């Protein structure tokens, strides 16, 4: 079966999803008349092209006063000054901000706008932070979009960060500011507005927006946490990218490579909601914000709040190159330096591999620490070639191997691997130690983070320890004639548990009040079903990640389609209790 690149949740709702500016603004006009509204707010997530939206509204409502919320922001210099502790001077890393959206606005300018609003018969305030400029608007519309679309716009120099004229800055600069500052401010404000908004706009295609009511959104979220679902994957090239995904997933054959597939990263992925055939795209993190307990379970919500802690993504090095030699920060280090409550523990599940595939994991016996650090610095400063095989331990890798990578472990996939990376979510925190003397896709050296890396390397993770603790720690938990359940990790230092199931018949699962993330890793297709028919059967193909909310409680998986009667392999990840 083909890989589904646009999975969706079919919503049981007969209310129409409005499409296009004409239909949307006509509905807004009707709402203004019914509510006798004089003040309308269109709150916008960072990355939305507000300057394109303003004239569209002005044309529909020529007698209205239309105000861009950006006119109430503090000066660019002042915003840079107050946000510097969050953004820092580091090329890649900042500190998770403790600011609020209101901190970026000038109180006197807000007062001026409120005076104007009081004097006008009809006023629209549009933009990021617009909801802060009008007290209790009669109509509140939230214009939303996914972070992946924001990144694509950043790459095209189409959008700037909040309060800055920096469209032409490097993508890494804009992304860093978004990750540590802008998106945190927008998300915190969004969570405050969720109980008050009247309509939600999907602006991922700003030329053809879509709008649903708050009631439709709420019903869709309620339905989604009662059934299995998949978020929308996205694919990206990289300097080490391979060719496996291009062929297996029917991707653009003209692309040079595909390095990543982000197929379960709710902070960045979208959730497609099908309203009577019209697909409405919403950031999948909205489901976490609106239904955290139902989606995550009480235990996970208590540990992680309204964050989704498990990530599935692909790393393709088949007919490609080595990933950068890297290490991830220890929990204490990431909290102290970057304000993150947990770290990027991870693992490599080998979905496929060439005969000569290898993985770097841990260090050599009696490794020379000072020599390794000196050689890394030489490679960074003067073009010296770092001999990774002198210091890092290589392991042969074959299909269905599972390598565990707790924070502090030096590692990377070498060429020849199709990796399912199962990890905790803080995906930006990779300290690159060596990048094989190559350039990024932009023709420039990729950032190296030796100073951070050497502070967290666990030097005692040498071959004997690594093999005993991190390489294929697989054991059978239980089995019958038709199925076998195996424990495959992760390490005791990590909070994610993984189980693998081999079966030709039906296997029952319980969520135990904890969100499950799963994937068929062997076989063509499976069907996920409810023992009491509380949700419709959910078909999932090979290599498609899917989520089963804690709310589901009980579900079954069995082979179907071309896999019916044959053995399939399914891997499941969840947070340990």
Protein backbone atom coordinates (compact mmCIF):
# COMPACT_ATOMS: atom_id res chain seq x y z
CA UNK A 1 0.00 0.00 0.00
CA UNK A 2 1.22 3.56 -0.68
CA UNK A 3 2.47 5.81 2.11
CA UNK A 4 -0.30 8.26 3.05
CA UNK A 5 1.23 11.74 2.92
CA UNK A 6 -2.04 13.52 3.79
CA UNK A 7 -3.82 11.60 6.55
CA UNK A 8 -6.94 13.24 7.96
CA UNK A 9 -9.63 12.86 10.61
CA UNK A 10 -13.11 12.75 9.09
CA UNK A 11 -15.23 14.88 11.39
CA UNK A 12 -18.84 13.90 12.04
CA UNK A 13 -20.23 17.37 11.53
CA UNK A 14 -22.65 18.80 9.00
CA UNK A 15 -21.70 22.43 9.50
CA UNK A 16 -19.81 23.77 6.46
CA UNK A 17 -16.17 24.78 6.54
CA UNK A 18 -15.96 28.13 4.76
CA UNK A 19 -13.36 28.43 1.99
CA UNK A 20 -11.92 31.58 0.42
CA UNK A 21 -11.87 35.20 1.54
CA UNK A 22 -15.22 36.04 -0.06
CA UNK A 23 -17.15 33.41 1.87
CA UNK A 24 -15.23 34.05 5.09
CA UNK A 25 -15.69 37.83 5.07
CA UNK A 26 -19.35 37.48 4.14
CA UNK A 27 -19.78 35.32 7.25
CA UNK A 28 -17.89 37.94 9.28
CA UNK A 29 -20.27 40.59 7.94
CA UNK A 30 -23.25 38.51 9.05
CA UNK A 31 -21.76 38.02 12.49
CA UNK A 32 -21.12 41.76 12.85
CA UNK A 33 -24.76 42.48 12.10
CA UNK A 34 -26.12 39.76 14.39
CA UNK A 35 -23.83 40.68 17.29
CA UNK A 36 -24.06 44.42 16.66
CA UNK A 37 -20.29 44.28 16.88
CA UNK A 38 -18.19 47.41 16.65
CA UNK A 39 -14.81 45.83 17.40
CA UNK A 40 -13.39 42.79 15.65
CA UNK A 41 -10.07 41.17 16.44
CA UNK A 42 -8.16 38.87 14.10
CA UNK A 43 -5.34 37.52 16.24
CA UNK A 44 -2.50 36.12 14.11
CA UNK A 45 0.20 33.55 14.76
CA UNK A 46 3.73 34.61 13.87
CA UNK A 47 4.43 34.01 10.18
CA UNK A 48 1.03 35.04 8.86
CA UNK A 49 1.31 37.72 6.18
CA UNK A 50 -0.72 40.40 7.93
CA UNK A 51 0.19 43.03 5.34
CA UNK A 52 -1.59 40.92 2.70
CA UNK A 53 -4.65 40.43 4.88
CA UNK A 54 -5.22 44.12 5.69
CA UNK A 55 -6.24 45.30 2.18
CA UNK A 56 -8.57 42.31 1.76
CA UNK A 57 -10.48 43.34 4.88
CA UNK A 58 -10.41 47.02 3.90
CA UNK A 59 -11.92 46.24 0.51
CA UNK A 60 -14.80 44.28 2.07
CA UNK A 61 -15.41 46.85 4.82
CA UNK A 62 -14.51 50.24 3.26
CA UNK A 63 -16.04 52.28 6.07
CA UNK A 64 -14.24 50.39 8.83
CA UNK A 65 -11.07 51.47 10.57
CA UNK A 66 -8.47 48.70 10.04
CA UNK A 67 -5.49 48.73 12.41
CA UNK A 68 -2.34 46.65 12.20
CA UNK A 69 -1.43 45.50 15.72
CA UNK A 70 2.26 45.96 14.83
CA UNK A 71 1.79 49.73 15.17
CA UNK A 72 1.50 49.21 18.94
CA UNK A 73 4.73 47.26 19.30
CA UNK A 74 7.75 48.71 21.03
CA UNK A 75 10.58 49.88 18.80
CA UNK A 76 12.68 47.23 17.13
CA UNK A 77 15.69 48.25 19.19
CA UNK A 78 13.76 47.93 22.43
CA UNK A 79 12.36 44.52 21.43
CA UNK A 80 15.86 43.30 20.61
CA UNK A 81 17.09 44.56 23.99
CA UNK A 82 14.39 42.96 26.14
CA UNK A 83 14.43 39.66 24.25
CA UNK A 84 18.21 39.23 24.19
CA UNK A 85 18.30 37.02 27.32
CA UNK A 86 16.01 34.61 25.46
CA UNK A 87 17.63 34.87 22.04
CA UNK A 88 21.29 35.21 23.18
CA UNK A 89 24.30 35.64 20.87
CA UNK A 90 24.65 31.92 20.19
CA UNK A 91 24.27 31.01 16.52
CA UNK A 92 21.81 28.16 17.19
CA UNK A 93 20.67 28.08 20.81
CA UNK A 94 18.73 30.45 23.01
CA UNK A 95 16.83 30.12 26.30
CA UNK A 96 13.11 29.37 26.48
CA UNK A 97 11.59 32.78 27.13
CA UNK A 98 9.79 33.80 30.30
CA UNK A 99 8.29 36.85 28.58
CA UNK A 100 4.65 37.34 27.65
CA UNK A 101 3.32 38.76 24.39
CA UNK A 102 2.30 41.95 26.16
CA UNK A 103 5.95 42.62 27.06
CA UNK A 104 6.62 43.43 23.39
CA UNK A 105 3.93 46.15 23.26
CA UNK A 106 4.11 49.81 24.19
CA UNK A 107 1.49 50.75 26.80
CA UNK A 108 1.05 54.28 25.48
CA UNK A 109 0.47 53.01 21.95
CA UNK A 110 -2.06 50.50 23.24
CA UNK A 111 -3.89 53.37 24.98
CA UNK A 112 -3.96 55.38 21.74
CA UNK A 113 -5.47 52.47 19.84
CA UNK A 114 -8.10 51.92 22.51
CA UNK A 115 -9.10 55.58 22.20
CA UNK A 116 -9.43 55.21 18.43
CA UNK A 117 -11.53 52.10 18.86
CA UNK A 118 -13.92 53.96 21.18
CA UNK A 119 -14.41 56.68 18.57
CA UNK A 120 -15.12 54.45 15.58
CA UNK A 121 -18.34 52.70 14.58
CA UNK A 122 -16.52 49.68 13.20
CA UNK A 123 -12.89 48.71 13.89
CA UNK A 124 -10.76 45.72 12.92
CA UNK A 125 -7.49 45.13 14.76
CA UNK A 126 -5.41 42.54 12.92
CA UNK A 127 -2.05 40.95 13.66
CA UNK A 128 0.04 39.20 16.27
CA UNK A 129 -1.02 40.44 19.70
CA UNK A 130 -4.18 42.11 18.32
CA UNK A 131 -6.28 40.58 21.12
CA UNK A 132 -4.26 42.60 23.65
CA UNK A 133 -5.36 45.89 22.12
CA UNK A 134 -9.15 45.61 22.51
CA UNK A 135 -10.92 44.76 25.73
CA UNK A 136 -13.63 42.13 25.22
CA UNK A 137 -14.07 42.34 21.44
CA UNK A 138 -17.51 41.33 20.20
CA UNK A 139 -15.95 39.08 17.58
CA UNK A 140 -12.64 37.24 18.02
CA UNK A 141 -11.12 35.32 15.11
CA UNK A 142 -7.87 33.38 15.47
CA UNK A 143 -5.70 33.08 12.35
CA UNK A 144 -3.46 30.04 12.74
CA UNK A 145 -0.82 28.12 10.82
CA UNK A 146 1.65 25.27 11.32
CA UNK A 147 5.28 25.83 12.21
CA UNK A 148 6.41 23.88 9.15
CA UNK A 149 4.68 26.41 6.89
CA UNK A 150 6.31 29.22 8.88
CA UNK A 151 9.72 27.66 8.25
CA UNK A 152 9.04 27.41 4.52
CA UNK A 153 8.10 31.10 4.49
CA UNK A 154 11.21 31.95 6.46
CA UNK A 155 13.35 30.16 3.88
CA UNK A 156 11.73 32.26 1.14
CA UNK A 157 12.39 35.45 3.16
CA UNK A 158 8.63 36.03 3.10
CA UNK A 159 8.11 36.64 6.83
CA UNK A 160 9.92 38.27 9.75
CA UNK A 161 10.00 37.59 13.45
CA UNK A 162 7.67 39.51 15.75
CA UNK A 163 8.55 43.20 15.84
CA UNK A 164 11.63 42.92 13.61
CA UNK A 165 12.37 43.84 10.01
CA UNK A 166 14.53 40.75 9.53
CA UNK A 167 13.01 38.87 6.62
CA UNK A 168 16.40 38.56 4.96
CA UNK A 169 18.22 37.19 7.99
CA UNK A 170 19.60 33.64 7.84
CA UNK A 171 17.01 30.92 8.31
CA UNK A 172 18.81 29.64 11.42
CA UNK A 173 18.55 33.13 13.00
CA UNK A 174 14.83 33.43 12.30
CA UNK A 175 14.14 29.84 13.34
CA UNK A 176 16.03 30.25 16.61
CA UNK A 177 14.05 33.37 17.47
CA UNK A 178 10.84 31.57 16.59
CA UNK A 179 11.67 28.48 18.65
CA UNK A 180 12.85 30.21 21.82
CA UNK A 181 10.68 33.33 21.72
CA UNK A 182 7.98 33.98 19.11
CA UNK A 183 6.26 30.61 19.13
CA UNK A 184 6.30 30.44 22.91
CA UNK A 185 4.62 33.86 23.11
CA UNK A 186 2.06 32.92 20.46
CA UNK A 187 1.29 29.55 22.03
CA UNK A 188 0.81 30.99 25.51
CA UNK A 189 -1.52 33.65 24.16
CA UNK A 190 -3.37 31.09 22.04
CA UNK A 191 -4.03 28.93 25.10
CA UNK A 192 -5.55 31.94 26.85
CA UNK A 193 -7.79 32.69 23.86
CA UNK A 194 -9.06 29.17 23.17
CA UNK A 195 -12.01 29.53 25.53
CA UNK A 196 -12.96 32.90 24.02
CA UNK A 197 -12.40 32.72 20.28
CA UNK A 198 -15.41 32.63 17.95
CA UNK A 199 -13.82 31.40 14.73
CA UNK A 200 -10.52 29.87 13.63
CA UNK A 201 -8.80 30.59 10.32
CA UNK A 202 -6.56 28.12 8.51
CA UNK A 203 -4.04 30.37 6.74
CA UNK A 204 -1.50 27.75 5.67
CA UNK A 205 -2.58 28.71 2.14
CA UNK A 206 -3.20 32.40 2.67
CA UNK A 207 -4.59 32.87 -0.84
CA UNK A 208 -7.27 30.28 -0.08
CA UNK A 209 -8.01 30.40 3.67
CA UNK A 210 -10.62 28.32 5.47
CA UNK A 211 -12.67 29.09 8.55
CA UNK A 212 -14.57 27.05 11.11
CA UNK A 213 -16.50 28.07 14.21
CA UNK A 214 -15.23 27.55 17.73
CA UNK A 215 -17.95 24.95 18.23
CA UNK A 216 -16.76 23.02 15.16
CA UNK A 217 -13.18 23.16 16.38
CA UNK A 218 -14.13 21.97 19.84
CA UNK A 219 -16.18 19.06 18.47
CA UNK A 220 -13.30 18.07 16.17
CA UNK A 221 -10.83 18.03 19.05
CA UNK A 222 -13.25 16.01 21.16
CA UNK A 223 -13.66 13.44 18.38
CA UNK A 224 -9.95 13.19 17.62
CA UNK A 225 -8.95 12.26 21.17
CA UNK A 226 -11.38 9.36 21.03
CA UNK A 227 -9.76 7.57 18.09
CA UNK A 228 -6.40 6.72 16.51
CA UNK A 229 -5.07 9.36 14.12
CA UNK A 230 -1.98 10.46 12.21
CA UNK A 231 -0.54 13.93 11.79
CA UNK A 232 0.64 15.20 8.39
CA UNK A 233 4.28 14.20 7.71
CA UNK A 234 6.71 16.51 5.97
CA UNK A 235 9.96 15.73 4.20
CA UNK A 236 13.14 17.76 3.95
CA UNK A 237 16.49 17.36 2.17
CA UNK A 238 19.84 17.55 3.95
CA UNK A 239 23.56 17.43 3.17
CA UNK A 240 23.66 13.75 4.16
CA UNK A 241 20.23 12.76 2.82
CA UNK A 242 19.54 9.45 1.10
CA UNK A 243 17.30 7.93 -1.56
CA UNK A 244 15.25 5.28 0.28
CA UNK A 245 12.27 7.47 1.17
CA UNK A 246 12.12 8.95 -2.32
CA UNK A 247 11.42 5.52 -3.78
CA UNK A 248 9.36 3.96 -0.98
CA UNK A 249 7.10 6.96 -0.37
CA UNK A 250 6.71 8.14 -3.98
CA UNK A 251 8.36 11.51 -3.39
CA UNK A 252 9.57 13.99 -5.98
CA UNK A 253 12.06 12.03 -8.12
CA UNK A 254 13.78 15.27 -9.15
CA UNK A 255 14.75 16.13 -5.55
CA UNK A 256 18.44 15.60 -4.79
CA UNK A 257 17.67 13.65 -1.61
CA UNK A 258 15.43 13.41 1.41
CA UNK A 259 17.20 13.41 4.76
CA UNK A 260 14.31 13.75 7.19
CA UNK A 261 10.68 12.85 7.48
CA UNK A 262 9.00 14.42 10.48
CA UNK A 263 6.03 12.10 10.81
CA UNK A 264 5.07 12.52 14.44
CA UNK A 265 6.28 15.82 15.84
CA UNK A 266 3.06 17.54 16.99
CA UNK A 267 4.87 20.82 17.71
CA UNK A 268 5.66 21.11 13.99
CA UNK A 269 3.19 18.86 12.16
CA UNK A 270 -0.36 19.65 11.12
CA UNK A 271 -3.60 17.83 11.80
CA UNK A 272 -6.00 17.66 8.87
CA UNK A 273 -9.69 17.79 9.76
CA UNK A 274 -12.15 16.75 7.04
CA UNK A 275 -15.43 18.69 7.22
CA UNK A 276 -17.69 17.18 4.54
CA UNK A 277 -14.82 16.86 2.09
CA UNK A 278 -13.12 20.17 2.90
CA UNK A 279 -9.74 19.70 4.58
CA UNK A 280 -9.06 22.18 7.38
CA UNK A 281 -5.43 22.28 8.52
CA UNK A 282 -4.63 23.09 12.13
CA UNK A 283 -1.33 22.80 14.06
CA UNK A 284 -1.48 19.41 15.76
CA UNK A 285 -0.18 21.01 18.96
CA UNK A 286 -3.66 22.59 19.25
CA UNK A 287 -4.98 19.15 20.17
CA UNK A 288 -2.44 18.99 23.00
CA UNK A 289 -3.42 22.46 24.18
CA UNK A 290 -7.16 21.84 24.06
CA UNK A 291 -7.32 18.23 25.27
CA UNK A 292 -4.10 17.51 27.18
CA UNK A 293 -5.49 15.05 29.71
CA UNK A 294 -7.58 13.14 27.17
CA UNK A 295 -4.72 12.90 24.69
CA UNK A 296 -1.71 12.41 26.97
CA UNK A 297 -3.24 10.82 30.05
CA UNK A 298 -3.10 12.12 33.59
CA UNK A 299 0.39 10.76 34.32
CA UNK A 300 1.98 12.21 31.18
CA UNK A 301 0.21 15.54 31.56
CA UNK A 302 1.48 15.80 35.13
CA UNK A 303 5.06 15.22 33.93
CA UNK A 304 5.04 17.30 30.72
CA UNK A 305 2.10 19.70 30.96
CA UNK A 306 0.69 20.54 27.55
CA UNK A 307 3.67 19.25 25.59
CA UNK A 308 3.74 16.06 23.53
CA UNK A 309 6.83 14.22 24.80
CA UNK A 310 7.36 11.50 22.14
CA UNK A 311 8.77 12.07 18.66
CA UNK A 312 8.93 9.72 15.66
CA UNK A 313 10.95 10.80 12.63
CA UNK A 314 12.98 9.24 9.83
CA UNK A 315 16.66 9.74 9.01
CA UNK A 316 17.59 8.40 5.58
CA UNK A 317 21.29 7.77 4.86
CA UNK A 318 20.85 4.98 2.28
CA UNK A 319 22.91 6.11 -0.73
CA UNK A 320 23.57 9.24 1.32
CA UNK A 321 26.19 10.26 3.86
CA UNK A 322 26.92 10.05 7.57
CA UNK A 323 24.94 12.19 9.97
CA UNK A 324 27.04 14.62 11.97
CA UNK A 325 28.86 13.05 14.93
CA UNK A 326 26.87 14.45 17.82
CA UNK A 327 25.75 14.32 21.42
CA UNK A 328 22.65 15.53 23.26
CA UNK A 329 22.61 17.50 26.55
CA UNK A 330 22.07 15.93 29.93
CA UNK A 331 18.83 16.80 31.70
CA UNK A 332 20.53 19.11 34.19
CA UNK A 333 22.49 20.87 31.43
CA UNK A 334 19.51 21.54 29.16
CA UNK A 335 17.52 22.91 32.10
CA UNK A 336 20.33 25.17 33.31
CA UNK A 337 21.48 26.47 29.92
CA UNK A 338 18.31 26.54 27.82
CA UNK A 339 15.35 26.44 30.20
CA UNK A 340 14.03 23.10 28.92
CA UNK A 341 12.50 20.72 31.49
CA UNK A 342 13.62 17.51 29.78
CA UNK A 343 16.21 16.47 27.22
CA UNK A 344 16.51 14.74 23.87
CA UNK A 345 17.04 11.13 24.85
CA UNK A 346 16.55 9.02 21.72
CA UNK A 347 17.07 5.75 19.91
CA UNK A 348 17.72 4.49 16.39
CA UNK A 349 15.35 1.77 15.23
CA UNK A 350 16.73 0.44 11.94
CA UNK A 351 13.81 0.24 9.54
CA UNK A 352 16.03 -0.90 6.69
CA UNK A 353 19.76 -1.11 5.98
CA UNK A 354 22.32 -1.97 3.35
CA UNK A 355 24.67 -4.90 3.90
CA UNK A 356 27.52 -2.63 5.01
CA UNK A 357 25.48 -0.25 7.19
CA UNK A 358 26.96 0.94 10.48
CA UNK A 359 26.13 3.19 13.40
CA UNK A 360 28.56 5.14 15.59
CA UNK A 361 27.55 4.69 19.24
CA UNK A 362 29.67 5.43 22.30
CA UNK A 363 33.44 5.74 22.47
CA UNK A 364 36.46 3.50 22.01
CA UNK A 365 38.11 1.64 24.86
CA UNK A 366 40.42 3.87 26.96
CA UNK A 367 39.60 6.84 24.77
CA UNK A 368 42.03 9.76 24.98
CA UNK A 369 39.70 12.54 26.14
CA UNK A 370 42.15 15.40 25.76
CA UNK A 371 43.29 14.12 22.38
CA UNK A 372 39.73 13.84 21.11
CA UNK A 373 38.85 17.36 22.22
CA UNK A 374 42.06 18.76 20.69
CA UNK A 375 41.37 17.00 17.38
CA UNK A 376 37.78 18.24 17.32
CA UNK A 377 38.98 21.81 17.84
CA UNK A 378 41.60 21.46 15.10
CA UNK A 379 38.93 20.21 12.72
CA UNK A 380 36.70 23.16 13.59
CA UNK A 381 39.38 25.82 13.27
CA UNK A 382 41.77 24.90 10.46
CA UNK A 383 40.28 22.23 8.23
CA UNK A 384 41.99 19.32 9.98
CA UNK A 385 40.14 16.05 9.27
CA UNK A 386 38.80 14.51 12.45
CA UNK A 387 39.34 10.74 12.59
CA UNK A 388 35.99 9.65 14.04
CA UNK A 389 36.98 5.96 13.96
CA UNK A 390 39.91 6.70 16.26
CA UNK A 391 37.57 7.80 19.04
CA UNK A 392 33.98 6.65 18.37
CA UNK A 393 32.90 3.00 18.31
CA UNK A 394 31.25 1.65 15.16
CA UNK A 395 28.62 -1.10 15.22
CA UNK A 396 27.22 -3.02 12.27
CA UNK A 397 23.53 -2.24 11.71
CA UNK A 398 20.87 -4.45 10.17
CA UNK A 399 17.12 -4.25 9.70
CA UNK A 400 15.18 -4.22 13.02
CA UNK A 401 18.22 -3.51 15.18
CA UNK A 402 17.52 -1.02 17.96
CA UNK A 403 20.29 1.25 19.29
CA UNK A 404 19.51 3.20 22.46
CA UNK A 405 20.98 6.69 22.82
CA UNK A 406 20.56 8.24 26.26
CA UNK A 407 21.70 11.85 26.55
CA UNK A 408 25.45 12.27 26.73
CA UNK A 409 26.20 9.38 24.34
CA UNK A 410 28.33 10.24 21.29
CA UNK A 411 26.58 8.86 18.21
CA UNK A 412 25.51 9.12 14.59
CA UNK A 413 24.10 6.95 11.88
CA UNK A 414 26.62 6.24 9.13
CA UNK A 415 25.61 5.77 5.52
CA UNK A 416 23.36 2.85 4.62
CA UNK A 417 20.71 3.20 7.34
CA UNK A 418 17.02 3.99 7.21
CA UNK A 419 16.47 5.09 10.79
CA UNK A 420 13.23 5.45 12.68
CA UNK A 421 14.31 7.85 15.40
CA UNK A 422 12.23 7.39 18.53
CA UNK A 423 13.01 10.19 20.92
CA UNK A 424 11.91 12.77 23.40
CA UNK A 425 10.65 15.94 21.73
CA UNK A 426 13.28 18.73 22.24
CA UNK A 427 14.62 18.07 18.74
CA UNK A 428 16.68 21.26 18.31
CA UNK A 429 19.22 20.34 20.98
CA UNK A 430 21.84 18.46 18.99
CA UNK A 431 25.45 19.35 19.73
CA UNK A 432 27.35 18.63 16.51
CA UNK A 433 30.95 17.64 17.17
CA UNK A 434 32.10 16.86 13.62
CA UNK A 435 30.35 17.16 10.27
CA UNK A 436 32.75 15.34 7.96
CA UNK A 437 34.19 18.57 6.47
CA UNK A 438 31.12 19.20 4.34
CA UNK A 439 28.90 22.19 3.70
CA UNK A 440 25.19 22.60 4.29
CA UNK A 441 22.70 22.87 1.43
CA UNK A 442 23.24 26.65 1.54
CA UNK A 443 26.90 26.16 0.66
CA UNK A 444 28.08 27.26 4.09
CA UNK A 445 29.59 25.27 6.98
CA UNK A 446 26.99 23.90 9.36
CA UNK A 447 27.26 25.06 12.99
CA UNK A 448 29.48 22.95 15.26
CA UNK A 449 28.87 22.94 19.03
CA UNK A 450 32.04 21.53 20.56
CA UNK A 451 31.97 23.75 23.65
CA UNK A 452 28.51 22.52 24.59
CA UNK A 453 29.24 18.96 23.51
CA UNK A 454 32.35 18.37 25.61
CA UNK A 455 30.43 19.48 28.70
CA UNK A 456 27.96 16.60 28.38
CA UNK A 457 29.89 13.70 26.79
CA UNK A 458 29.74 10.64 29.03
CA UNK A 459 33.30 9.36 28.57
CA UNK A 460 32.69 6.03 30.28
CA UNK A 461 30.28 4.86 27.58
CA UNK A 462 32.87 2.63 25.98
CA UNK A 463 32.33 -0.65 24.05
CA UNK A 464 31.67 -3.06 26.92
CA UNK A 465 29.18 -0.72 28.58
CA UNK A 466 27.60 0.31 25.30
CA UNK A 467 27.07 -3.24 24.08
CA UNK A 468 25.66 -4.35 27.44
CA UNK A 469 23.29 -1.40 27.77
CA UNK A 470 22.50 0.17 24.39
CA UNK A 471 22.76 -2.38 21.55
CA UNK A 472 19.72 -4.55 20.86
CA UNK A 473 18.51 -4.82 24.45
CA UNK A 474 15.60 -6.95 23.27
CA UNK A 475 13.79 -9.51 25.40
CA UNK A 476 10.52 -11.39 25.04
CA UNK A 477 7.83 -10.20 27.45
CA UNK A 478 5.08 -12.66 26.51
CA UNK A 479 4.06 -14.78 23.54
CA UNK A 480 1.47 -17.17 22.15
CA UNK A 481 1.07 -19.18 18.95
CA UNK A 482 0.00 -16.08 17.01
CA UNK A 483 1.97 -13.23 18.55
CA UNK A 484 5.05 -12.21 20.49
CA UNK A 485 5.65 -9.06 22.54
CA UNK A 486 9.23 -7.86 22.98
CA UNK A 487 10.74 -5.16 25.13
CA UNK A 488 13.24 -3.20 23.02
CA UNK A 489 14.14 -0.26 25.27
CA UNK A 490 14.73 2.45 25.97
CA UNK A 491 17.53 2.63 28.53
CA UNK A 492 16.67 3.04 32.22
CA UNK A 493 18.03 6.60 32.00
CA UNK A 494 15.29 7.43 29.48
CA UNK A 495 11.57 7.93 30.12
CA UNK A 496 10.26 6.28 26.93
CA UNK A 497 9.40 2.59 26.85
CA UNK A 498 9.24 0.74 23.51
CA UNK A 499 7.58 -2.58 22.79
CA UNK A 500 7.62 -4.54 19.53
CA UNK A 501 4.87 -6.95 18.50
CA UNK A 502 5.18 -9.70 15.90
CA UNK A 503 1.82 -11.21 14.99
CA UNK A 504 -0.31 -12.74 12.26
CA UNK A 505 -3.55 -12.46 14.22
CA UNK A 506 -5.19 -9.86 16.45
CA UNK A 507 -3.31 -8.29 19.36
CA UNK A 508 -5.08 -6.36 22.11
CA UNK A 509 -3.59 -3.19 23.57
CA UNK A 510 -4.48 -0.98 26.51
CA UNK A 511 -3.29 2.60 26.80
CA UNK A 512 -3.29 2.46 30.62
CA UNK A 513 -4.02 6.21 30.63
CA UNK A 514 -0.88 6.97 28.60
CA UNK A 515 -0.66 8.17 24.99
CA UNK A 516 0.72 5.54 22.59
CA UNK A 517 2.71 6.25 19.40
CA UNK A 518 3.01 3.32 16.98
CA UNK A 519 4.26 2.26 13.57
CA UNK A 520 4.04 -0.84 11.38
CA UNK A 521 7.73 -1.69 10.83
CA UNK A 522 7.20 -4.96 8.95
CA UNK A 523 4.33 -5.85 6.62
CA UNK A 524 2.09 -3.89 4.27
CA UNK A 525 -0.92 -2.79 6.28
CA UNK A 526 -2.76 -3.15 9.58
CA UNK A 527 -6.12 -2.10 10.93
CA UNK A 528 -6.67 -0.60 14.38
CA UNK A 529 -10.10 -1.38 15.81
CA UNK A 530 -12.19 -0.72 18.88
CA UNK A 531 -13.46 -3.78 20.77
CA UNK A 532 -16.70 -1.91 21.51
CA UNK A 533 -16.92 -0.02 18.18
CA UNK A 534 -16.32 3.33 19.86
CA UNK A 535 -14.30 4.49 16.84
CA UNK A 536 -14.24 3.58 13.15
CA UNK A 537 -11.59 1.06 11.99
CA UNK A 538 -8.34 2.90 11.29
CA UNK A 539 -6.14 1.68 8.44
CA UNK A 540 -2.41 2.26 8.68
CA UNK A 541 0.24 1.38 6.10
CA UNK A 542 3.86 0.39 6.49
CA UNK A 543 6.04 3.13 8.05
CA UNK A 544 3.14 5.47 8.88
CA UNK A 545 3.31 6.79 12.44
CA UNK A 546 0.02 7.01 14.31
CA UNK A 547 -1.15 8.13 17.73
CA UNK A 548 -3.61 6.42 20.04
CA UNK A 549 -4.84 8.89 22.68
CA UNK A 550 -4.91 7.83 26.32
CA UNK A 551 -8.67 8.38 26.16
CA UNK A 552 -9.10 5.39 23.85
CA UNK A 553 -8.26 2.95 26.67
CA UNK A 554 -8.46 -0.26 24.61
CA UNK A 555 -7.78 -1.13 20.97
CA UNK A 556 -6.71 -4.03 18.78
CA UNK A 557 -4.31 -4.31 15.82
CA UNK A 558 -4.39 -7.00 13.16
CA UNK A 559 -2.91 -7.49 9.69
CA UNK A 560 -5.17 -6.59 6.80
CA UNK A 561 -5.01 -6.05 3.04
CA UNK A 562 -1.92 -7.67 1.51
CA UNK A 563 -0.67 -8.46 5.02
CA UNK A 564 -3.72 -10.49 6.04
CA UNK A 565 -2.66 -13.89 7.30
CA UNK A 566 1.00 -12.86 7.32
CA UNK A 567 3.19 -11.78 10.20
CA UNK A 568 3.56 -8.05 10.74
CA UNK A 569 5.80 -6.09 13.09
CA UNK A 570 4.52 -3.13 15.11
CA UNK A 571 6.55 -0.92 17.42
CA UNK A 572 4.88 1.05 20.20
CA UNK A 573 6.29 3.86 22.34
CA UNK A 574 4.88 5.34 25.52
CA UNK A 575 5.98 7.15 28.67
CA UNK A 576 6.95 4.87 31.52
CA UNK A 577 5.07 5.12 34.79
